[in-house]
Amino acid sequence: MTCRWGFTTAFVLAALAGTAHAAERPAGEGPFGLAWGPVDRIDTPSMIDREANLTGLYYLHDKPLASGPDTVEVVLVVCREEGLQQVVWVGRPLADAAHVIARDAVRREGILRYGKPRPGPVPGSLEWPSGRTVLATRAMPDGTRELVMSASGPDYAACSESHRAATGHPADAHVAELLGPGVP
């Protein structure tokens, strides 16, 4: 099982962060082979959600972008002015031991890529500022937990400020919704 998670977590981090270290990758390169910024062509999502300047494109397990065996969904956040500025990956539900193994493997890989993480924006989460990447856990009703990773583009802060001006809340409030009740 450890080998399997090693492959899966390496894939997730590579997809979310690009295949090279953050300092080595071009500013416009995003996860899953996508580019940060304007979007001219994108695969058809499972569903679309819009609010103010944000469009959320949700890819459930039935779509190629989210078809990996350990993926439940992938969300692309496209900002009206800045284009693609956030990619959120949600892993499959895991029981306690499997969750701990998977989270630790992702944490170790994150350290190799970006250095020591700091506490993230939600309880129990980790953040790698140099990679603009956050790792968190979402509790499920059946007691399992899903890993949630978010990678943000270079213009995400401007997009979030525009969203706050239009709605009264930052764009990150939507990722917090993905994590479930009790998350600020």
N, C-alpha and C. Protein backbone atom coordinates (compact mmCIF):
# COMPACT_ATOMS: atom_id res chain seq x y z
N MET A 1 0.83 -1.20 0.00
CA MET A 1 0.00 0.00 0.00
C MET A 1 0.86 1.25 0.00
N THR A 2 1.99 1.24 0.69
CA THR A 2 2.84 2.41 0.71
C THR A 2 3.33 2.76 -0.69
N CYS A 3 3.71 1.78 -1.49
CA CYS A 3 4.16 2.06 -2.85
C CYS A 3 3.03 2.69 -3.66
N ARG A 4 1.83 2.16 -3.51
CA ARG A 4 0.70 2.70 -4.25
C ARG A 4 0.49 4.16 -3.88
N TRP A 5 0.52 4.47 -2.58
CA TRP A 5 0.33 5.86 -2.17
C TRP A 5 1.48 6.73 -2.61
N GLY A 6 2.68 6.17 -2.62
CA GLY A 6 3.81 6.95 -3.09
C GLY A 6 3.59 7.40 -4.52
N PHE A 7 3.10 6.50 -5.37
CA PHE A 7 2.82 6.86 -6.76
C PHE A 7 1.68 7.86 -6.83
N THR A 8 0.61 7.60 -6.09
CA THR A 8 -0.55 8.49 -6.14
C THR A 8 -0.21 9.88 -5.65
N THR A 9 0.44 10.00 -4.52
CA THR A 9 0.74 11.32 -3.99
C THR A 9 1.74 12.05 -4.87
N ALA A 10 2.69 11.33 -5.43
CA ALA A 10 3.63 11.99 -6.35
C ALA A 10 2.87 12.52 -7.56
N PHE A 11 1.91 11.74 -8.05
CA PHE A 11 1.10 12.17 -9.19
C PHE A 11 0.29 13.41 -8.83
N VAL A 12 -0.35 13.39 -7.66
CA VAL A 12 -1.18 14.53 -7.25
C VAL A 12 -0.33 15.78 -7.14
N LEU A 13 0.79 15.69 -6.47
CA LEU A 13 1.64 16.87 -6.32
C LEU A 13 2.20 17.32 -7.67
N ALA A 14 2.58 16.37 -8.51
CA ALA A 14 3.08 16.76 -9.83
C ALA A 14 1.98 17.45 -10.62
N ALA A 15 0.77 16.93 -10.53
CA ALA A 15 -0.34 17.54 -11.26
C ALA A 15 -0.68 18.92 -10.72
N LEU A 16 -0.68 19.06 -9.41
CA LEU A 16 -1.03 20.34 -8.82
C LEU A 16 0.10 21.37 -8.91
N ALA A 17 1.31 20.92 -8.93
CA ALA A 17 2.42 21.86 -8.87
C ALA A 17 3.27 21.90 -10.12
N GLY A 18 2.99 21.10 -11.11
CA GLY A 18 3.86 21.00 -12.27
C GLY A 18 4.95 19.99 -11.97
N THR A 19 5.69 19.57 -12.97
CA THR A 19 6.66 18.51 -12.76
C THR A 19 7.99 19.02 -12.23
N ALA A 20 8.24 20.30 -12.29
CA ALA A 20 9.50 20.85 -11.80
C ALA A 20 9.27 21.59 -10.49
N HIS A 21 10.35 21.90 -9.81
CA HIS A 21 10.23 22.69 -8.59
C HIS A 21 9.65 24.06 -8.91
N ALA A 22 9.02 24.68 -7.94
CA ALA A 22 8.32 25.95 -8.16
C ALA A 22 9.26 27.01 -8.76
N ALA A 23 10.46 27.09 -8.26
CA ALA A 23 11.37 28.11 -8.74
C ALA A 23 11.79 27.86 -10.19
N GLU A 24 11.69 26.61 -10.66
CA GLU A 24 12.15 26.26 -11.99
C GLU A 24 11.04 26.33 -13.04
N ARG A 25 9.78 26.33 -12.64
CA ARG A 25 8.72 26.26 -13.64
C ARG A 25 8.32 27.65 -14.11
N PRO A 26 7.89 27.75 -15.35
CA PRO A 26 7.44 29.05 -15.85
C PRO A 26 6.26 29.56 -15.06
N ALA A 27 6.14 30.88 -14.95
CA ALA A 27 5.07 31.50 -14.16
C ALA A 27 3.69 31.11 -14.65
N GLY A 28 3.53 30.84 -15.96
CA GLY A 28 2.22 30.55 -16.51
C GLY A 28 1.80 29.10 -16.44
N GLU A 29 2.68 28.20 -16.00
CA GLU A 29 2.36 26.78 -15.98
C GLU A 29 1.51 26.41 -14.77
N GLY A 30 0.37 25.77 -15.02
CA GLY A 30 -0.51 25.35 -13.94
C GLY A 30 -0.60 23.84 -13.86
N PRO A 31 -1.43 23.33 -12.98
CA PRO A 31 -1.60 21.89 -12.79
C PRO A 31 -2.24 21.20 -14.00
N PHE A 32 -2.07 19.90 -14.06
CA PHE A 32 -2.71 19.05 -15.07
C PHE A 32 -2.40 19.51 -16.49
N GLY A 33 -1.25 20.14 -16.69
CA GLY A 33 -0.89 20.61 -18.02
C GLY A 33 -1.63 21.87 -18.44
N LEU A 34 -2.36 22.49 -17.53
CA LEU A 34 -3.08 23.72 -17.82
C LEU A 34 -2.16 24.92 -17.61
N ALA A 35 -2.56 26.06 -18.11
CA ALA A 35 -1.78 27.28 -17.92
C ALA A 35 -2.60 28.27 -17.11
N TRP A 36 -1.93 28.96 -16.19
CA TRP A 36 -2.60 30.02 -15.44
C TRP A 36 -2.93 31.15 -16.41
N GLY A 37 -4.08 31.76 -16.22
CA GLY A 37 -4.44 32.90 -17.04
C GLY A 37 -5.62 32.61 -17.95
N PRO A 38 -5.71 33.34 -19.05
CA PRO A 38 -6.87 33.21 -19.95
C PRO A 38 -7.10 31.78 -20.41
N VAL A 39 -8.36 31.41 -20.52
CA VAL A 39 -8.74 30.07 -20.92
C VAL A 39 -9.41 30.17 -22.29
N ASP A 40 -8.83 29.50 -23.28
CA ASP A 40 -9.46 29.54 -24.60
C ASP A 40 -10.16 28.23 -24.95
N ARG A 41 -9.72 27.12 -24.35
CA ARG A 41 -10.36 25.84 -24.60
C ARG A 41 -10.22 24.99 -23.34
N ILE A 42 -11.31 24.35 -22.96
CA ILE A 42 -11.30 23.51 -21.77
C ILE A 42 -12.26 22.36 -21.98
N ASP A 43 -11.95 21.20 -21.42
CA ASP A 43 -12.85 20.06 -21.53
C ASP A 43 -14.19 20.39 -20.87
N THR A 44 -15.25 19.79 -21.37
CA THR A 44 -16.59 20.01 -20.83
C THR A 44 -16.64 19.50 -19.39
N PRO A 45 -17.03 20.36 -18.45
CA PRO A 45 -17.10 19.93 -17.05
C PRO A 45 -18.38 19.14 -16.75
N SER A 46 -18.42 18.50 -15.60
CA SER A 46 -19.62 17.80 -15.14
C SER A 46 -20.68 18.80 -14.75
N MET A 47 -20.26 19.95 -14.17
CA MET A 47 -21.18 21.02 -13.81
C MET A 47 -20.42 22.33 -13.70
N ILE A 48 -21.19 23.43 -13.75
CA ILE A 48 -20.62 24.77 -13.70
C ILE A 48 -21.36 25.56 -12.63
N ASP A 49 -20.62 26.37 -11.87
CA ASP A 49 -21.21 27.24 -10.86
C ASP A 49 -20.58 28.62 -11.04
N ARG A 50 -21.41 29.65 -10.97
CA ARG A 50 -20.91 31.01 -11.15
C ARG A 50 -21.34 31.89 -9.98
N GLU A 51 -20.43 32.79 -9.57
CA GLU A 51 -20.77 33.81 -8.59
C GLU A 51 -19.85 34.99 -8.84
N ALA A 52 -20.45 36.14 -9.09
CA ALA A 52 -19.71 37.38 -9.37
C ALA A 52 -18.66 37.13 -10.45
N ASN A 53 -17.38 37.31 -10.12
CA ASN A 53 -16.32 37.16 -11.12
C ASN A 53 -15.75 35.76 -11.22
N LEU A 54 -16.30 34.79 -10.47
CA LEU A 54 -15.77 33.43 -10.47
C LEU A 54 -16.67 32.47 -11.23
N THR A 55 -16.05 31.58 -11.97
CA THR A 55 -16.75 30.45 -12.57
C THR A 55 -16.04 29.19 -12.10
N GLY A 56 -16.78 28.32 -11.43
CA GLY A 56 -16.25 27.04 -10.98
C GLY A 56 -16.62 25.96 -11.98
N LEU A 57 -15.62 25.29 -12.51
CA LEU A 57 -15.84 24.17 -13.42
C LEU A 57 -15.54 22.89 -12.65
N TYR A 58 -16.55 22.07 -12.43
CA TYR A 58 -16.43 20.87 -11.61
C TYR A 58 -16.31 19.64 -12.51
N TYR A 59 -15.27 18.88 -12.31
CA TYR A 59 -15.04 17.65 -13.05
C TYR A 59 -15.14 16.49 -12.07
N LEU A 60 -16.21 15.72 -12.20
CA LEU A 60 -16.40 14.56 -11.33
C LEU A 60 -15.66 13.37 -11.94
N HIS A 61 -15.65 12.28 -11.23
CA HIS A 61 -14.86 11.11 -11.63
C HIS A 61 -15.17 10.61 -13.04
N ASP A 62 -16.29 11.01 -13.61
CA ASP A 62 -16.66 10.56 -14.96
C ASP A 62 -15.99 11.36 -16.06
N LYS A 63 -15.22 12.38 -15.73
CA LYS A 63 -14.57 13.24 -16.73
C LYS A 63 -13.06 12.99 -16.71
N PRO A 64 -12.41 13.11 -17.88
CA PRO A 64 -10.98 12.81 -17.96
C PRO A 64 -10.10 13.56 -16.96
N LEU A 65 -10.37 14.82 -16.70
CA LEU A 65 -9.53 15.58 -15.78
C LEU A 65 -9.54 14.98 -14.36
N ALA A 66 -10.61 14.27 -14.02
CA ALA A 66 -10.75 13.70 -12.68
C ALA A 66 -10.86 12.18 -12.71
N SER A 67 -10.31 11.55 -13.72
CA SER A 67 -10.54 10.11 -13.87
C SER A 67 -9.56 9.21 -13.15
N GLY A 68 -8.60 9.76 -12.42
CA GLY A 68 -7.64 8.93 -11.70
C GLY A 68 -8.32 8.09 -10.63
N PRO A 69 -7.74 6.95 -10.28
CA PRO A 69 -8.38 6.04 -9.33
C PRO A 69 -8.55 6.61 -7.92
N ASP A 70 -7.75 7.59 -7.57
CA ASP A 70 -7.83 8.18 -6.23
C ASP A 70 -8.44 9.57 -6.24
N THR A 71 -9.11 9.93 -7.33
CA THR A 71 -9.70 11.26 -7.48
C THR A 71 -11.21 11.19 -7.47
N VAL A 72 -11.83 12.05 -6.64
CA VAL A 72 -13.28 12.18 -6.61
C VAL A 72 -13.71 13.32 -7.53
N GLU A 73 -13.01 14.45 -7.43
CA GLU A 73 -13.33 15.58 -8.29
C GLU A 73 -12.15 16.53 -8.40
N VAL A 74 -12.19 17.31 -9.47
CA VAL A 74 -11.24 18.40 -9.69
C VAL A 74 -12.08 19.63 -10.00
N VAL A 75 -11.73 20.75 -9.37
CA VAL A 75 -12.45 22.00 -9.59
C VAL A 75 -11.47 23.02 -10.15
N LEU A 76 -11.84 23.62 -11.28
CA LEU A 76 -11.06 24.71 -11.84
C LEU A 76 -11.81 26.00 -11.54
N VAL A 77 -11.11 26.98 -10.97
CA VAL A 77 -11.71 28.28 -10.69
C VAL A 77 -11.17 29.27 -11.72
N VAL A 78 -12.07 29.77 -12.55
CA VAL A 78 -11.71 30.71 -13.59
C VAL A 78 -12.25 32.08 -13.21
N CYS A 79 -11.36 33.06 -13.17
CA CYS A 79 -11.74 34.42 -12.82
C CYS A 79 -12.00 35.20 -14.10
N ARG A 80 -12.97 36.10 -14.03
CA ARG A 80 -13.37 36.87 -15.22
C ARG A 80 -12.18 37.59 -15.86
N GLU A 81 -11.39 38.28 -15.07
CA GLU A 81 -10.27 39.07 -15.62
C GLU A 81 -8.96 38.29 -15.67
N GLU A 82 -8.70 37.46 -14.68
CA GLU A 82 -7.39 36.81 -14.55
C GLU A 82 -7.32 35.42 -15.19
N GLY A 83 -8.47 34.85 -15.58
CA GLY A 83 -8.48 33.51 -16.16
C GLY A 83 -8.35 32.43 -15.10
N LEU A 84 -7.80 31.30 -15.46
CA LEU A 84 -7.64 30.18 -14.53
C LEU A 84 -6.69 30.60 -13.41
N GLN A 85 -7.18 30.54 -12.16
CA GLN A 85 -6.36 30.96 -11.03
C GLN A 85 -6.39 30.00 -9.85
N GLN A 86 -7.13 28.90 -9.95
CA GLN A 86 -7.10 27.93 -8.86
C GLN A 86 -7.54 26.57 -9.39
N VAL A 87 -6.84 25.54 -8.91
CA VAL A 87 -7.21 24.16 -9.19
C VAL A 87 -7.30 23.45 -7.85
N VAL A 88 -8.43 22.78 -7.64
CA VAL A 88 -8.64 22.04 -6.38
C VAL A 88 -8.83 20.57 -6.74
N TRP A 89 -8.06 19.70 -6.08
CA TRP A 89 -8.15 18.27 -6.26
C TRP A 89 -8.74 17.67 -4.99
N VAL A 90 -9.74 16.79 -5.14
CA VAL A 90 -10.34 16.09 -3.99
C VAL A 90 -10.11 14.60 -4.18
N GLY A 91 -9.47 14.00 -3.20
CA GLY A 91 -9.17 12.57 -3.25
C GLY A 91 -10.34 11.72 -2.77
N ARG A 92 -10.22 10.42 -3.01
CA ARG A 92 -11.28 9.50 -2.61
C ARG A 92 -11.31 9.35 -1.09
N PRO A 93 -12.46 8.96 -0.53
CA PRO A 93 -12.57 8.77 0.92
C PRO A 93 -11.64 7.66 1.40
N LEU A 94 -10.97 7.93 2.51
CA LEU A 94 -10.03 6.96 3.09
C LEU A 94 -10.34 6.76 4.56
N ALA A 95 -10.19 5.53 5.01
CA ALA A 95 -10.33 5.23 6.44
C ALA A 95 -9.10 5.77 7.16
N ASP A 96 -9.13 5.75 8.48
CA ASP A 96 -8.09 6.39 9.29
C ASP A 96 -6.66 6.05 8.89
N ALA A 97 -6.29 4.77 8.88
CA ALA A 97 -4.90 4.38 8.60
C ALA A 97 -4.49 4.78 7.19
N ALA A 98 -5.33 4.54 6.22
CA ALA A 98 -5.00 4.90 4.83
C ALA A 98 -4.89 6.41 4.67
N HIS A 99 -5.75 7.15 5.36
CA HIS A 99 -5.69 8.62 5.30
C HIS A 99 -4.37 9.13 5.87
N VAL A 100 -3.97 8.60 7.01
CA VAL A 100 -2.72 9.03 7.65
C VAL A 100 -1.53 8.75 6.73
N ILE A 101 -1.50 7.58 6.12
CA ILE A 101 -0.40 7.21 5.22
C ILE A 101 -0.38 8.14 4.01
N ALA A 102 -1.54 8.37 3.41
CA ALA A 102 -1.62 9.22 2.21
C ALA A 102 -1.24 10.67 2.55
N ARG A 103 -1.76 11.19 3.64
CA ARG A 103 -1.46 12.58 4.01
C ARG A 103 0.02 12.75 4.31
N ASP A 104 0.61 11.79 5.00
CA ASP A 104 2.02 11.89 5.31
C ASP A 104 2.87 11.81 4.04
N ALA A 105 2.49 10.98 3.10
CA ALA A 105 3.23 10.88 1.84
C ALA A 105 3.15 12.20 1.06
N VAL A 106 1.98 12.83 1.03
CA VAL A 106 1.83 14.11 0.35
C VAL A 106 2.65 15.18 1.08
N ARG A 107 2.61 15.17 2.40
CA ARG A 107 3.40 16.14 3.18
C ARG A 107 4.89 15.99 2.89
N ARG A 108 5.39 14.75 2.88
CA ARG A 108 6.81 14.52 2.59
C ARG A 108 7.18 15.00 1.18
N GLU A 109 6.34 14.71 0.21
CA GLU A 109 6.61 15.15 -1.15
C GLU A 109 6.58 16.68 -1.25
N GLY A 110 5.64 17.30 -0.53
CA GLY A 110 5.59 18.75 -0.49
C GLY A 110 6.86 19.36 0.09
N ILE A 111 7.39 18.73 1.12
CA ILE A 111 8.64 19.20 1.73
C ILE A 111 9.79 19.09 0.73
N LEU A 112 9.84 17.99 0.00
CA LEU A 112 10.89 17.84 -1.02
C LEU A 112 10.80 18.91 -2.09
N ARG A 113 9.60 19.27 -2.48
CA ARG A 113 9.39 20.25 -3.55
C ARG A 113 9.53 21.69 -3.08
N TYR A 114 8.96 22.00 -1.90
CA TYR A 114 8.81 23.39 -1.48
C TYR A 114 9.43 23.74 -0.14
N GLY A 115 9.95 22.77 0.58
CA GLY A 115 10.49 23.04 1.90
C GLY A 115 9.44 22.78 2.98
N LYS A 116 9.78 23.18 4.17
CA LYS A 116 8.91 22.93 5.32
C LYS A 116 7.61 23.73 5.19
N PRO A 117 6.46 23.06 5.39
CA PRO A 117 5.18 23.79 5.31
C PRO A 117 4.92 24.56 6.58
N ARG A 118 4.01 25.50 6.49
CA ARG A 118 3.53 26.19 7.68
C ARG A 118 2.06 25.78 7.86
N PRO A 119 1.50 26.05 9.04
CA PRO A 119 0.08 25.75 9.22
C PRO A 119 -0.74 26.50 8.17
N GLY A 120 -1.72 25.81 7.62
CA GLY A 120 -2.54 26.39 6.56
C GLY A 120 -3.69 27.21 7.08
N PRO A 121 -4.56 27.63 6.19
CA PRO A 121 -5.64 28.54 6.54
C PRO A 121 -6.80 27.91 7.31
N VAL A 122 -6.88 26.59 7.32
CA VAL A 122 -7.94 25.91 8.08
C VAL A 122 -7.28 24.95 9.07
N PRO A 123 -7.95 24.63 10.18
CA PRO A 123 -7.35 23.75 11.18
C PRO A 123 -6.85 22.43 10.58
N GLY A 124 -5.60 22.09 10.92
CA GLY A 124 -5.01 20.84 10.46
C GLY A 124 -4.46 20.87 9.05
N SER A 125 -4.57 21.99 8.37
CA SER A 125 -4.08 22.07 7.00
C SER A 125 -2.62 22.51 6.97
N LEU A 126 -1.97 22.27 5.84
CA LEU A 126 -0.59 22.68 5.62
C LEU A 126 -0.53 23.57 4.39
N GLU A 127 0.41 24.51 4.41
CA GLU A 127 0.53 25.43 3.29
C GLU A 127 2.00 25.57 2.89
N TRP A 128 2.24 25.53 1.58
CA TRP A 128 3.55 25.78 1.01
C TRP A 128 3.45 27.06 0.21
N PRO A 129 3.76 28.22 0.81
CA PRO A 129 3.61 29.49 0.11
C PRO A 129 4.38 29.57 -1.20
N SER A 130 5.59 29.01 -1.25
CA SER A 130 6.39 29.11 -2.48
C SER A 130 5.75 28.34 -3.63
N GLY A 131 4.95 27.33 -3.31
CA GLY A 131 4.25 26.57 -4.34
C GLY A 131 2.81 26.97 -4.49
N ARG A 132 2.36 27.96 -3.68
CA ARG A 132 0.96 28.39 -3.67
C ARG A 132 0.03 27.17 -3.57
N THR A 133 0.40 26.25 -2.68
CA THR A 133 -0.31 24.98 -2.54
C THR A 133 -0.72 24.76 -1.09
N VAL A 134 -1.95 24.25 -0.91
CA VAL A 134 -2.48 23.94 0.42
C VAL A 134 -2.97 22.50 0.41
N LEU A 135 -2.72 21.79 1.50
CA LEU A 135 -3.23 20.44 1.72
C LEU A 135 -4.13 20.46 2.94
N ALA A 136 -5.34 19.95 2.80
CA ALA A 136 -6.29 19.90 3.92
C ALA A 136 -7.02 18.57 3.88
N THR A 137 -7.88 18.36 4.87
CA THR A 137 -8.67 17.14 4.97
C THR A 137 -10.13 17.50 5.11
N ARG A 138 -10.98 16.74 4.42
CA ARG A 138 -12.42 16.93 4.51
C ARG A 138 -13.01 15.69 5.17
N ALA A 139 -13.75 15.90 6.27
CA ALA A 139 -14.40 14.79 6.98
C ALA A 139 -15.69 14.42 6.25
N MET A 140 -15.92 13.13 6.11
CA MET A 140 -17.12 12.63 5.43
C MET A 140 -18.10 12.09 6.47
N PRO A 141 -19.40 12.06 6.15
CA PRO A 141 -20.41 11.60 7.11
C PRO A 141 -20.18 10.17 7.61
N ASP A 142 -19.56 9.32 6.79
CA ASP A 142 -19.34 7.92 7.20
C ASP A 142 -18.08 7.73 8.03
N GLY A 143 -17.38 8.83 8.38
CA GLY A 143 -16.19 8.75 9.20
C GLY A 143 -14.89 8.69 8.41
N THR A 144 -14.97 8.53 7.12
CA THR A 144 -13.76 8.57 6.30
C THR A 144 -13.36 10.02 6.07
N ARG A 145 -12.19 10.21 5.48
CA ARG A 145 -11.69 11.56 5.21
C ARG A 145 -11.11 11.62 3.80
N GLU A 146 -11.26 12.77 3.18
CA GLU A 146 -10.71 12.99 1.85
C GLU A 146 -9.63 14.05 1.92
N LEU A 147 -8.54 13.81 1.22
CA LEU A 147 -7.52 14.83 1.08
C LEU A 147 -8.00 15.85 0.06
N VAL A 148 -7.73 17.11 0.32
CA VAL A 148 -8.08 18.18 -0.59
C VAL A 148 -6.83 19.02 -0.78
N MET A 149 -6.42 19.20 -2.04
CA MET A 149 -5.26 20.03 -2.35
C MET A 149 -5.70 21.17 -3.25
N SER A 150 -5.16 22.33 -2.99
CA SER A 150 -5.48 23.52 -3.78
C SER A 150 -4.18 24.16 -4.23
N ALA A 151 -4.11 24.47 -5.52
CA ALA A 151 -2.98 25.22 -6.07
C ALA A 151 -3.55 26.49 -6.69
N SER A 152 -2.90 27.60 -6.43
CA SER A 152 -3.39 28.89 -6.91
C SER A 152 -2.41 29.52 -7.88
N GLY A 153 -2.96 30.25 -8.84
CA GLY A 153 -2.15 30.94 -9.83
C GLY A 153 -1.59 32.24 -9.30
N PRO A 154 -0.71 32.87 -10.06
CA PRO A 154 -0.03 34.08 -9.61
C PRO A 154 -0.94 35.29 -9.43
N ASP A 155 -2.11 35.29 -10.06
CA ASP A 155 -3.02 36.44 -9.94
C ASP A 155 -4.25 36.13 -9.08
N TYR A 156 -4.16 35.07 -8.28
CA TYR A 156 -5.30 34.66 -7.47
C TYR A 156 -5.70 35.72 -6.45
N ALA A 157 -4.73 36.41 -5.85
CA ALA A 157 -5.05 37.42 -4.83
C ALA A 157 -5.89 38.55 -5.44
N ALA A 158 -5.55 38.99 -6.63
CA ALA A 158 -6.33 40.04 -7.29
C ALA A 158 -7.74 39.55 -7.61
N CYS A 159 -7.85 38.33 -8.05
CA CYS A 159 -9.15 37.74 -8.34
C CYS A 159 -10.00 37.66 -7.07
N SER A 160 -9.38 37.23 -5.99
CA SER A 160 -10.09 37.10 -4.72
C SER A 160 -10.56 38.46 -4.21
N GLU A 161 -9.73 39.49 -4.37
CA GLU A 161 -10.13 40.84 -3.95
C GLU A 161 -11.33 41.33 -4.76
N SER A 162 -11.33 41.09 -6.05
CA SER A 162 -12.49 41.46 -6.88
C SER A 162 -13.73 40.72 -6.42
N HIS A 163 -13.55 39.45 -6.04
CA HIS A 163 -14.68 38.66 -5.57
C HIS A 163 -15.21 39.22 -4.24
N ARG A 164 -14.28 39.58 -3.35
CA ARG A 164 -14.69 40.17 -2.07
C ARG A 164 -15.46 41.46 -2.28
N ALA A 165 -15.00 42.30 -3.20
CA ALA A 165 -15.67 43.58 -3.47
C ALA A 165 -17.09 43.35 -3.98
N ALA A 166 -17.29 42.31 -4.75
CA ALA A 166 -18.61 42.04 -5.34
C ALA A 166 -19.54 41.28 -4.41
N THR A 167 -18.98 40.44 -3.52
CA THR A 167 -19.83 39.53 -2.72
C THR A 167 -19.72 39.72 -1.22
N GLY A 168 -18.64 40.36 -0.76
CA GLY A 168 -18.43 40.49 0.69
C GLY A 168 -17.59 39.36 1.28
N HIS A 169 -17.21 38.38 0.48
CA HIS A 169 -16.34 37.30 0.96
C HIS A 169 -15.26 36.99 -0.07
N PRO A 170 -14.09 36.51 0.40
CA PRO A 170 -13.00 36.20 -0.54
C PRO A 170 -13.31 34.93 -1.32
N ALA A 171 -12.58 34.71 -2.38
CA ALA A 171 -12.75 33.50 -3.19
C ALA A 171 -12.47 32.25 -2.37
N ASP A 172 -11.56 32.33 -1.40
CA ASP A 172 -11.23 31.16 -0.57
C ASP A 172 -12.42 30.63 0.22
N ALA A 173 -13.46 31.43 0.40
CA ALA A 173 -14.64 30.95 1.11
C ALA A 173 -15.24 29.74 0.40
N HIS A 174 -15.06 29.64 -0.90
CA HIS A 174 -15.62 28.52 -1.65
C HIS A 174 -14.83 27.24 -1.43
N VAL A 175 -13.53 27.34 -1.27
CA VAL A 175 -12.73 26.16 -0.94
C VAL A 175 -13.10 25.71 0.47
N ALA A 176 -13.32 26.67 1.36
CA ALA A 176 -13.74 26.32 2.73
C ALA A 176 -15.05 25.54 2.71
N GLU A 177 -15.95 25.89 1.79
CA GLU A 177 -17.20 25.12 1.65
C GLU A 177 -16.93 23.68 1.27
N LEU A 178 -15.93 23.45 0.44
CA LEU A 178 -15.57 22.08 0.06
C LEU A 178 -15.11 21.26 1.27
N LEU A 179 -14.52 21.94 2.24
CA LEU A 179 -13.99 21.23 3.40
C LEU A 179 -15.07 20.87 4.42
N GLY A 180 -16.22 21.48 4.33
CA GLY A 180 -17.32 21.07 5.19
C GLY A 180 -17.56 22.00 6.36
N PRO A 181 -18.57 21.64 7.18
CA PRO A 181 -18.96 22.49 8.31
C PRO A 181 -17.85 22.63 9.34
N GLY A 182 -17.85 23.78 9.98
CA GLY A 182 -16.88 24.02 11.04
C GLY A 182 -15.59 24.60 10.53
N VAL A 183 -15.46 24.78 9.23
CA VAL A 183 -14.24 25.35 8.67
C VAL A 183 -14.47 26.83 8.47
N PRO A 184 -13.56 27.68 8.99
CA PRO A 184 -13.77 29.13 8.86
C PRO A 184 -13.73 29.58 7.40
